[in-house]
Amino acid sequence: MPSRTRRLSFEIGSPSAGYAFQIINRVCGIEVGFYSDFGGKERRSLLELCRRKSLFTSTVRSTLDWCRKLGVETKHLYIQFVWSSSLGLRVTNGKAITGKRGRAVLLLEADIVDGELGVYTIDCARNDPNKIFCEDIIPHELMHILDVRQGRSPSIVPFVLPGEGEWIDLFRHLWIDGHLESRGLPHAPKQERIRELCESLDTEKAERLASIWWGRPMTLHEAVTLGLQTGLALDADCPLAVWYKNPAKNSTPA
């Protein structure tokens, strides 16, 4: 199929803000693309490689299996593979970006070892080829898509700037990984999430929040409230803070 560009817009953030991504192939009914900051011959070689459907088949099939298990509608789901050596996107292992109409792109940090595509796991060592052939990041990121589609969170510009609430996911991960654990599905361990919280909060607060919210559905509004109550910063004039003061007025139905 010819390359095409798709774009997502968001309920929170500048009206001009958006996320554009390139589609280069259709695999198992899912449109896929890639992102890399490579240039010249290296980029052309990567593009030719990515035009081979067989490279993506296993990972796309696995994603579709997870969609069925979690109840994620695949009609407007896209997958973008981000090469691990590309630094132009703030993607660590994976990221889910959902637009205000429910369209979503699943970003998966990937690499090729011995001609095969590998997707990084949640807690793998960076650039360790022995630890990239794991897909436990997929169910976690699909849960972020469900958060928006099921109304727990409005769609938000994906790359939150420092001071605008980059700590929010730390709280939402408590509910997502706790929920996955309760279903016997791959997840980051509770102690790992507490350790991450301890980078922003003291240990006592982190453990108390985890004991209350592990596996308990959390809205974006509740996540912001938790952060502010524990003393984390949110720039008063940023779009997220404006929405937080009046979410009903500033949200658009998905």
Protein backbone atom coordinates (compact mmCIF):
# COMPACT_ATOMS: atom_id res chain seq x y z
CA MET A 1 0.00 0.00 0.00
CA PRO A 2 1.27 3.57 -0.61
CA SER A 3 2.60 5.49 2.40
CA ARG A 4 0.11 7.80 4.02
CA THR A 5 0.07 10.15 6.99
CA ARG A 6 -2.58 10.05 9.70
CA ARG A 7 -3.08 12.58 12.47
CA LEU A 8 -4.61 12.59 15.94
CA SER A 9 -6.01 15.66 17.70
CA PHE A 10 -6.68 16.05 21.40
CA GLU A 11 -9.18 17.45 23.88
CA ILE A 12 -6.53 18.94 26.17
CA GLY A 13 -3.86 21.20 24.74
CA SER A 14 -3.48 23.74 21.99
CA PRO A 15 -6.03 23.41 19.15
CA SER A 16 -3.08 23.30 16.77
CA ALA A 17 -1.37 20.50 18.66
CA GLY A 18 -1.60 17.04 17.19
CA TYR A 19 0.30 13.89 16.49
CA ALA A 20 1.08 12.81 12.93
CA PHE A 21 2.39 9.39 12.03
CA GLN A 22 3.21 7.59 8.82
CA ILE A 23 1.51 4.38 7.70
CA ILE A 24 3.50 2.16 5.35
CA ASN A 25 1.81 -1.22 5.46
CA ARG A 26 -1.30 -3.19 6.45
CA VAL A 27 -0.68 -6.35 8.45
CA CYS A 28 -3.50 -8.63 9.67
CA GLY A 29 -5.92 -5.78 9.01
CA ILE A 30 -3.94 -3.28 11.11
CA GLU A 31 -2.16 -0.29 9.55
CA VAL A 32 1.46 -0.12 10.70
CA GLY A 33 4.27 2.39 10.33
CA PHE A 34 7.62 3.25 11.83
CA TYR A 35 9.50 6.20 13.25
CA SER A 36 13.22 6.71 13.02
CA ASP A 37 15.53 9.69 12.95
CA PHE A 38 17.81 7.86 10.54
CA GLY A 39 18.58 9.66 7.30
CA GLY A 40 19.82 8.93 3.80
CA LYS A 41 20.74 5.37 2.84
CA GLU A 42 20.11 4.05 6.35
CA ARG A 43 16.54 5.32 6.29
CA ARG A 44 15.88 3.95 2.81
CA SER A 45 17.14 0.54 3.89
CA LEU A 46 14.90 0.60 6.95
CA LEU A 47 11.90 1.64 4.87
CA GLU A 48 12.44 -1.27 2.47
CA LEU A 49 12.77 -3.64 5.40
CA CYS A 50 9.54 -2.36 6.94
CA ARG A 51 7.63 -2.97 3.72
CA ARG A 52 7.95 -6.70 4.40
CA LYS A 53 4.71 -7.72 6.10
CA SER A 54 6.36 -10.83 7.53
CA LEU A 55 8.56 -8.66 9.75
CA PHE A 56 5.53 -7.44 11.71
CA THR A 57 3.14 -10.38 11.53
CA SER A 58 4.00 -12.02 14.86
CA THR A 59 3.85 -8.79 16.88
CA VAL A 60 0.64 -7.59 15.22
CA ARG A 61 -1.04 -10.95 15.83
CA SER A 62 0.02 -10.81 19.46
CA THR A 63 -1.41 -7.29 19.73
CA LEU A 64 -4.72 -8.45 18.26
CA ASP A 65 -4.82 -11.30 20.78
CA TRP A 66 -4.36 -8.80 23.60
CA CYS A 67 -7.06 -6.57 22.15
CA ARG A 68 -9.50 -9.48 22.30
CA LYS A 69 -8.54 -10.34 25.88
CA LEU A 70 -8.88 -6.75 27.09
CA GLY A 71 -11.86 -5.72 24.97
CA VAL A 72 -10.03 -3.10 22.90
CA GLU A 73 -11.81 -2.28 19.63
CA THR A 74 -9.35 -2.54 16.74
CA LYS A 75 -11.27 -0.54 14.12
CA HIS A 76 -9.28 2.66 14.65
CA LEU A 77 -6.11 1.18 16.11
CA TYR A 78 -2.73 1.75 14.48
CA ILE A 79 0.74 0.52 15.41
CA GLN A 80 3.92 2.54 15.03
CA PHE A 81 7.29 0.88 15.63
CA VAL A 82 9.93 3.22 17.02
CA TRP A 83 13.52 2.21 16.44
CA SER A 84 15.36 2.10 19.77
CA SER A 85 18.25 4.16 18.42
CA SER A 86 15.88 6.99 17.46
CA LEU A 87 15.92 9.79 20.01
CA GLY A 88 13.44 12.13 18.39
CA LEU A 89 10.46 10.68 20.30
CA ARG A 90 10.09 10.40 24.05
CA VAL A 91 9.20 6.72 24.00
CA THR A 92 10.46 4.31 26.63
CA ASN A 93 9.47 0.75 25.73
CA GLY A 94 6.02 1.81 24.56
CA LYS A 95 3.37 4.49 24.57
CA ALA A 96 -0.32 4.68 23.72
CA ILE A 97 -1.69 7.87 22.16
CA THR A 98 -5.46 8.24 21.80
CA GLY A 99 -7.17 11.08 19.95
CA LYS A 100 -10.40 12.79 20.87
CA ARG A 101 -12.41 10.59 18.48
CA GLY A 102 -11.07 7.40 20.02
CA ARG A 103 -8.52 6.74 17.29
CA ALA A 104 -5.36 5.35 18.83
CA VAL A 105 -1.79 4.58 17.89
CA LEU A 106 0.25 2.06 19.85
CA LEU A 107 3.94 3.01 19.81
CA LEU A 108 6.30 0.11 20.44
CA GLU A 109 10.03 0.55 20.86
CA ALA A 110 11.60 -2.08 18.64
CA ASP A 111 14.87 -3.34 17.24
CA ILE A 112 15.97 -5.98 14.78
CA VAL A 113 18.30 -8.76 15.86
CA ASP A 114 19.32 -11.48 13.41
CA GLY A 115 16.65 -10.34 10.98
CA GLU A 116 13.78 -10.56 13.48
CA LEU A 117 11.72 -7.81 15.09
CA GLY A 118 11.87 -7.54 18.87
CA VAL A 119 9.71 -5.37 21.13
CA TYR A 120 11.15 -4.12 24.39
CA THR A 121 9.69 -5.38 27.64
CA ILE A 122 8.65 -3.08 30.49
CA ASP A 123 11.77 -3.62 32.60
CA CYS A 124 14.43 -4.74 30.12
CA ALA A 125 18.00 -3.59 30.17
CA ARG A 126 18.57 -1.01 27.47
CA ASN A 127 20.10 -2.31 24.24
CA ASP A 128 20.31 -5.88 25.52
CA PRO A 129 19.41 -8.07 22.52
CA ASN A 130 18.64 -11.00 24.81
CA LYS A 131 15.79 -9.11 26.47
CA ILE A 132 13.88 -7.46 23.66
CA PHE A 133 11.78 -10.38 22.44
CA CYS A 134 9.03 -9.87 24.97
CA GLU A 135 5.68 -8.15 24.55
CA ASP A 136 4.40 -7.53 28.08
CA ILE A 137 4.38 -3.82 27.30
CA ILE A 138 1.44 -4.32 24.91
CA PRO A 139 -1.35 -5.09 27.43
CA HIS A 140 -0.23 -2.21 29.64
CA GLU A 141 -0.36 0.32 26.81
CA LEU A 142 -3.69 -0.99 25.54
CA MET A 143 -5.11 -0.25 28.98
CA HIS A 144 -4.16 3.41 28.48
CA ILE A 145 -6.23 3.37 25.29
CA LEU A 146 -9.17 1.92 27.20
CA ASP A 147 -8.78 4.72 29.77
CA VAL A 148 -9.66 7.27 27.11
CA ARG A 149 -12.23 5.25 25.22
CA GLN A 150 -14.10 4.31 28.40
CA GLY A 151 -14.12 7.86 29.74
CA ARG A 152 -11.62 7.64 32.60
CA SER A 153 -9.40 10.16 30.83
CA PRO A 154 -9.89 12.70 28.06
CA SER A 155 -7.43 12.59 25.19
CA ILE A 156 -4.36 14.62 26.00
CA VAL A 157 -1.32 15.81 24.07
CA PRO A 158 0.99 12.81 24.44
CA PHE A 159 4.23 14.46 25.41
CA VAL A 160 3.56 16.42 28.58
CA LEU A 161 6.18 19.07 29.21
CA PRO A 162 8.08 19.32 32.51
CA GLY A 163 5.92 21.12 35.05
CA GLU A 164 2.70 20.19 33.27
CA GLY A 165 2.17 16.91 35.11
CA GLU A 166 4.65 14.40 33.72
CA TRP A 167 4.22 12.48 37.00
CA ILE A 168 0.58 11.62 36.29
CA ASP A 169 1.28 8.23 34.75
CA LEU A 170 2.99 7.14 37.97
CA PHE A 171 -0.43 7.14 39.64
CA ARG A 172 -2.42 5.70 36.77
CA HIS A 173 0.04 2.81 36.50
CA LEU A 174 -1.02 1.71 39.99
CA TRP A 175 -4.50 0.95 38.80
CA ILE A 176 -3.51 -0.47 35.42
CA ASP A 177 -0.87 -2.91 36.65
CA GLY A 178 -2.97 -3.86 39.65
CA HIS A 179 -5.88 -4.62 37.33
CA LEU A 180 -3.68 -6.71 35.03
CA GLU A 181 -2.31 -8.60 38.02
CA SER A 182 -5.83 -9.41 39.25
CA ARG A 183 -6.55 -10.97 35.85
CA GLY A 184 -3.33 -12.97 35.82
CA LEU A 185 -1.93 -10.95 32.92
CA PRO A 186 1.62 -9.57 32.42
CA HIS A 187 2.26 -6.43 34.45
CA ALA A 188 4.95 -4.45 36.22
CA PRO A 189 5.26 -5.63 39.86
CA LYS A 190 3.76 -3.50 42.61
CA GLN A 191 7.15 -2.94 44.22
CA GLU A 192 8.52 -1.65 40.93
CA ARG A 193 5.73 0.92 40.72
CA ILE A 194 6.35 1.93 44.33
CA ARG A 195 10.03 2.36 43.53
CA GLU A 196 9.11 4.70 40.68
CA LEU A 197 6.83 6.70 42.97
CA CYS A 198 9.65 7.00 45.49
CA GLU A 199 11.60 9.02 42.93
CA SER A 200 8.98 11.78 43.38
CA LEU A 201 7.55 11.03 46.84
CA ASP A 202 8.87 9.72 50.14
CA THR A 203 8.59 5.99 50.73
CA GLU A 204 5.75 6.20 53.25
CA LYS A 205 3.53 8.22 50.90
CA ALA A 206 4.36 5.98 47.93
CA GLU A 207 3.51 2.80 49.84
CA ARG A 208 0.28 4.27 51.22
CA LEU A 209 -0.91 5.38 47.79
CA ALA A 210 -0.06 1.99 46.31
CA SER A 211 -1.99 0.16 49.03
CA ILE A 212 -5.09 2.27 48.30
CA TRP A 213 -4.99 2.47 44.52
CA TRP A 214 -3.41 -0.78 43.35
CA GLY A 215 -5.92 -2.20 40.86
CA ARG A 216 -8.55 0.46 41.63
CA PRO A 217 -9.85 2.32 38.53
CA MET A 218 -8.47 5.84 38.47
CA THR A 219 -9.61 8.79 36.37
CA LEU A 220 -7.24 11.44 35.09
CA HIS A 221 -8.89 13.94 37.43
CA GLU A 222 -8.18 11.66 40.40
CA ALA A 223 -4.56 11.21 39.27
CA VAL A 224 -4.03 14.98 39.14
CA THR A 225 -5.70 15.38 42.54
CA LEU A 226 -3.43 12.75 44.09
CA GLY A 227 -0.34 14.45 42.72
CA LEU A 228 -1.34 17.91 43.92
CA GLN A 229 -2.29 16.58 47.35
CA THR A 230 1.13 14.99 47.73
CA GLY A 231 2.92 18.20 46.78
CA LEU A 232 3.84 17.52 43.14
CA ALA A 233 3.92 20.47 40.76
CA LEU A 234 1.54 21.44 37.98
CA ASP A 235 2.07 24.73 36.18
CA ALA A 236 -0.99 26.84 36.93
CA ASP A 237 -1.38 28.09 33.35
CA CYS A 238 -0.78 24.85 31.46
CA PRO A 239 -3.70 23.30 29.51
CA LEU A 240 -3.92 20.37 31.93
CA ALA A 241 -4.36 22.70 34.91
CA VAL A 242 -7.04 24.66 33.08
CA TRP A 243 -8.89 21.43 32.30
CA TYR A 244 -8.50 20.21 35.89
CA LYS A 245 -10.27 23.28 37.24
CA ASN A 246 -13.31 22.64 35.05
CA PRO A 247 -13.13 19.23 33.30
CA ALA A 248 -16.79 19.25 32.20
CA LYS A 249 -16.43 22.59 30.41
CA ASN A 250 -13.10 21.80 28.77
CA SER A 251 -13.68 18.23 27.64
CA THR A 252 -15.22 17.12 24.35
CA PRO A 253 -17.08 13.80 24.22
CA ALA A 254 -14.98 11.11 22.54
